[in-house]
């Protein structure tokens, strides 16, 4: 676990692209968690002198017994962050659209 971790619960949402027969599961970080990620991103940007692609922050995500490396992305026009949840994780953890998901993020 990193020095900076963020824990939150958020409902799993599913976005479906019917034209391509695909879907993406994701969570939107609640305000307090989003504020912590924003502060971390600002500090990293000041240290490095630049932002990562799309303003993203690298994280190690933990949901139940599943752990994976991914990124969280700022939502354009909102003061929140978005994190995709892989199909494999959703299946392994038995989570479906609308389920409240307990998430822990180690910020890098």
C-alpha atoms as a PDB file:
ATOM      1  CA  UNK A   1       0.000   0.000   0.000  1.00  0.00           C
ATOM      2  CA  UNK A   2       1.256   3.471  -0.798  1.00  0.00           C
ATOM      3  CA  UNK A   3       1.542   6.365   1.651  1.00  0.00           C
ATOM      4  CA  UNK A   4      -1.584   7.852   0.119  1.00  0.00           C
ATOM      5  CA  UNK A   5      -4.706   5.746  -0.035  1.00  0.00           C
ATOM      6  CA  UNK A   6      -8.338   6.672  -0.547  1.00  0.00           C
ATOM      7  CA  UNK A   7     -11.320   4.537   0.440  1.00  0.00           C
ATOM      8  CA  UNK A   8     -14.903   5.061  -0.647  1.00  0.00           C
ATOM      9  CA  UNK A   9     -18.133   3.347  -1.612  1.00  0.00           C
ATOM     10  CA  UNK A  10     -19.909   4.132  -4.874  1.00  0.00           C
ATOM     11  CA  UNK A  11     -22.531   2.457  -7.051  1.00  0.00           C
ATOM     12  CA  UNK A  12     -21.316   0.534 -10.079  1.00  0.00           C
ATOM     13  CA  UNK A  13     -22.589   2.142 -13.252  1.00  0.00           C
ATOM     14  CA  UNK A  14     -22.623   0.635 -16.731  1.00  0.00           C
ATOM     15  CA  UNK A  15     -22.342   2.606 -19.954  1.00  0.00           C
ATOM     16  CA  UNK A  16     -23.416   0.657 -23.032  1.00  0.00           C
ATOM     17  CA  UNK A  17     -22.517   1.427 -26.624  1.00  0.00           C
ATOM     18  CA  UNK A  18     -25.199  -0.413 -28.588  1.00  0.00           C
ATOM     19  CA  UNK A  19     -23.602   0.472 -31.933  1.00  0.00           C
ATOM     20  CA  UNK A  20     -20.452  -1.453 -30.987  1.00  0.00           C
ATOM     21  CA  UNK A  21     -22.115  -4.025 -28.705  1.00  0.00           C
ATOM     22  CA  UNK A  22     -19.807  -3.072 -25.865  1.00  0.00           C
ATOM     23  CA  UNK A  23     -20.094  -1.752 -22.339  1.00  0.00           C
ATOM     24  CA  UNK A  24     -17.899  -0.259 -19.637  1.00  0.00           C
ATOM     25  CA  UNK A  25     -18.389  -0.600 -15.893  1.00  0.00           C
ATOM     26  CA  UNK A  26     -17.267   2.341 -13.797  1.00  0.00           C
ATOM     27  CA  UNK A  27     -17.571   4.201 -10.517  1.00  0.00           C
ATOM     28  CA  UNK A  28     -17.655   7.947  -9.934  1.00  0.00           C
ATOM     29  CA  UNK A  29     -15.649   8.953  -6.871  1.00  0.00           C
ATOM     30  CA  UNK A  30     -17.716  10.732  -4.211  1.00  0.00           C
ATOM     31  CA  UNK A  31     -16.781  14.327  -3.297  1.00  0.00           C
ATOM     32  CA  UNK A  32     -14.420  13.580  -0.388  1.00  0.00           C
ATOM     33  CA  UNK A  33     -12.479  10.918  -2.308  1.00  0.00           C
ATOM     34  CA  UNK A  34     -12.386  13.146  -5.408  1.00  0.00           C
ATOM     35  CA  UNK A  35     -10.928  15.985  -3.351  1.00  0.00           C
ATOM     36  CA  UNK A  36      -8.151  13.714  -2.048  1.00  0.00           C
ATOM     37  CA  UNK A  37      -7.293  12.533  -5.584  1.00  0.00           C
ATOM     38  CA  UNK A  38      -7.319  16.132  -6.875  1.00  0.00           C
ATOM     39  CA  UNK A  39      -4.909  17.197  -4.129  1.00  0.00           C
ATOM     40  CA  UNK A  40      -2.606  14.277  -4.931  1.00  0.00           C
ATOM     41  CA  UNK A  41      -2.702  15.101  -8.655  1.00  0.00           C
ATOM     42  CA  UNK A  42      -1.842  18.738  -7.938  1.00  0.00           C
ATOM     43  CA  UNK A  43       1.159  17.766  -5.804  1.00  0.00           C
ATOM     44  CA  UNK A  44       2.415  15.343  -8.480  1.00  0.00           C
ATOM     45  CA  UNK A  45       1.990  18.016 -11.157  1.00  0.00           C
ATOM     46  CA  UNK A  46       3.989  20.507  -9.072  1.00  0.00           C
ATOM     47  CA  UNK A  47       6.736  17.921  -8.492  1.00  0.00           C
ATOM     48  CA  UNK A  48       6.953  16.837 -12.142  1.00  0.00           C
ATOM     49  CA  UNK A  49       6.155  20.158 -13.797  1.00  0.00           C
ATOM     50  CA  UNK A  50       3.490  18.595 -16.018  1.00  0.00           C
ATOM     51  CA  UNK A  51       0.269  16.587 -15.970  1.00  0.00           C
ATOM     52  CA  UNK A  52      -0.098  12.965 -16.969  1.00  0.00           C
ATOM     53  CA  UNK A  53      -2.193  12.159 -20.027  1.00  0.00           C
ATOM     54  CA  UNK A  54      -5.742  13.489 -19.677  1.00  0.00           C
ATOM     55  CA  UNK A  55      -4.824  14.616 -16.132  1.00  0.00           C
ATOM     56  CA  UNK A  56      -5.037  11.016 -14.926  1.00  0.00           C
ATOM     57  CA  UNK A  57      -3.618   9.590 -11.706  1.00  0.00           C
ATOM     58  CA  UNK A  58      -2.083   6.114 -11.583  1.00  0.00           C
ATOM     59  CA  UNK A  59      -3.579   3.911  -8.874  1.00  0.00           C
ATOM     60  CA  UNK A  60      -3.635   0.383  -7.558  1.00  0.00           C
ATOM     61  CA  UNK A  61      -7.315  -0.451  -7.078  1.00  0.00           C
ATOM     62  CA  UNK A  62      -8.709  -2.918  -4.541  1.00  0.00           C
ATOM     63  CA  UNK A  63     -12.279  -4.245  -4.656  1.00  0.00           C
ATOM     64  CA  UNK A  64     -12.923  -7.277  -2.471  1.00  0.00           C
ATOM     65  CA  UNK A  65     -10.159  -9.791  -3.209  1.00  0.00           C
ATOM     66  CA  UNK A  66      -9.299  -8.204  -6.576  1.00  0.00           C
ATOM     67  CA  UNK A  67      -6.327  -5.876  -7.043  1.00  0.00           C
ATOM     68  CA  UNK A  68      -5.166  -4.272 -10.278  1.00  0.00           C
ATOM     69  CA  UNK A  69      -3.199  -1.303 -11.596  1.00  0.00           C
ATOM     70  CA  UNK A  70      -5.212   1.308 -13.460  1.00  0.00           C
ATOM     71  CA  UNK A  71      -5.784   5.061 -13.581  1.00  0.00           C
ATOM     72  CA  UNK A  72      -8.531   7.426 -12.477  1.00  0.00           C
ATOM     73  CA  UNK A  73      -9.525  10.265 -14.767  1.00  0.00           C
ATOM     74  CA  UNK A  74     -11.004  13.694 -14.027  1.00  0.00           C
ATOM     75  CA  UNK A  75     -14.515  14.152 -15.333  1.00  0.00           C
ATOM     76  CA  UNK A  76     -14.675  17.037 -17.751  1.00  0.00           C
ATOM     77  CA  UNK A  77     -16.932  19.803 -16.470  1.00  0.00           C
ATOM     78  CA  UNK A  78     -17.332  18.188 -13.037  1.00  0.00           C
ATOM     79  CA  UNK A  79     -15.288  18.147  -9.883  1.00  0.00           C
ATOM     80  CA  UNK A  80     -15.054  14.389  -9.707  1.00  0.00           C
ATOM     81  CA  UNK A  81     -13.087  11.424 -10.987  1.00  0.00           C
ATOM     82  CA  UNK A  82     -13.985   8.320 -12.991  1.00  0.00           C
ATOM     83  CA  UNK A  83     -12.548   4.794 -12.659  1.00  0.00           C
ATOM     84  CA  UNK A  84     -13.339   1.918 -14.999  1.00  0.00           C
ATOM     85  CA  UNK A  85     -13.972  -1.477 -13.383  1.00  0.00           C
ATOM     86  CA  UNK A  86     -12.871  -4.398 -15.556  1.00  0.00           C
ATOM     87  CA  UNK A  87     -15.342  -7.108 -16.533  1.00  0.00           C
ATOM     88  CA  UNK A  88     -13.069  -9.705 -14.913  1.00  0.00           C
ATOM     89  CA  UNK A  89     -13.190  -7.848 -11.599  1.00  0.00           C
ATOM     90  CA  UNK A  90     -16.964  -7.429 -11.811  1.00  0.00           C
ATOM     91  CA  UNK A  91     -17.362 -11.159 -12.427  1.00  0.00           C
ATOM     92  CA  UNK A  92     -14.837 -12.211  -9.767  1.00  0.00           C
ATOM     93  CA  UNK A  93     -16.493 -10.001  -7.148  1.00  0.00           C
ATOM     94  CA  UNK A  94     -20.071 -10.708  -8.243  1.00  0.00           C
ATOM     95  CA  UNK A  95     -20.936  -7.038  -8.667  1.00  0.00           C
ATOM     96  CA  UNK A  96     -23.556  -5.719 -11.050  1.00  0.00           C
ATOM     97  CA  UNK A  97     -24.942  -2.377 -12.122  1.00  0.00           C
ATOM     98  CA  UNK A  98     -26.310  -0.451  -9.149  1.00  0.00           C
ATOM     99  CA  UNK A  99     -24.393  -2.446  -6.511  1.00  0.00           C
ATOM    100  CA  UNK A 100     -22.581  -0.340  -3.921  1.00  0.00           C
ATOM    101  CA  UNK A 101     -18.879  -1.087  -4.379  1.00  0.00           C
ATOM    102  CA  UNK A 102     -16.290  -0.666  -1.608  1.00  0.00           C
ATOM    103  CA  UNK A 103     -13.102   0.625  -3.250  1.00  0.00           C
ATOM    104  CA  UNK A 104      -9.624   1.346  -1.928  1.00  0.00           C
ATOM    105  CA  UNK A 105      -7.143   3.207  -4.119  1.00  0.00           C
ATOM    106  CA  UNK A 106      -3.402   3.458  -3.538  1.00  0.00           C
ATOM    107  CA  UNK A 107      -2.363   6.672  -5.311  1.00  0.00           C
ATOM    108  CA  UNK A 108       0.963   6.719  -7.196  1.00  0.00           C
END
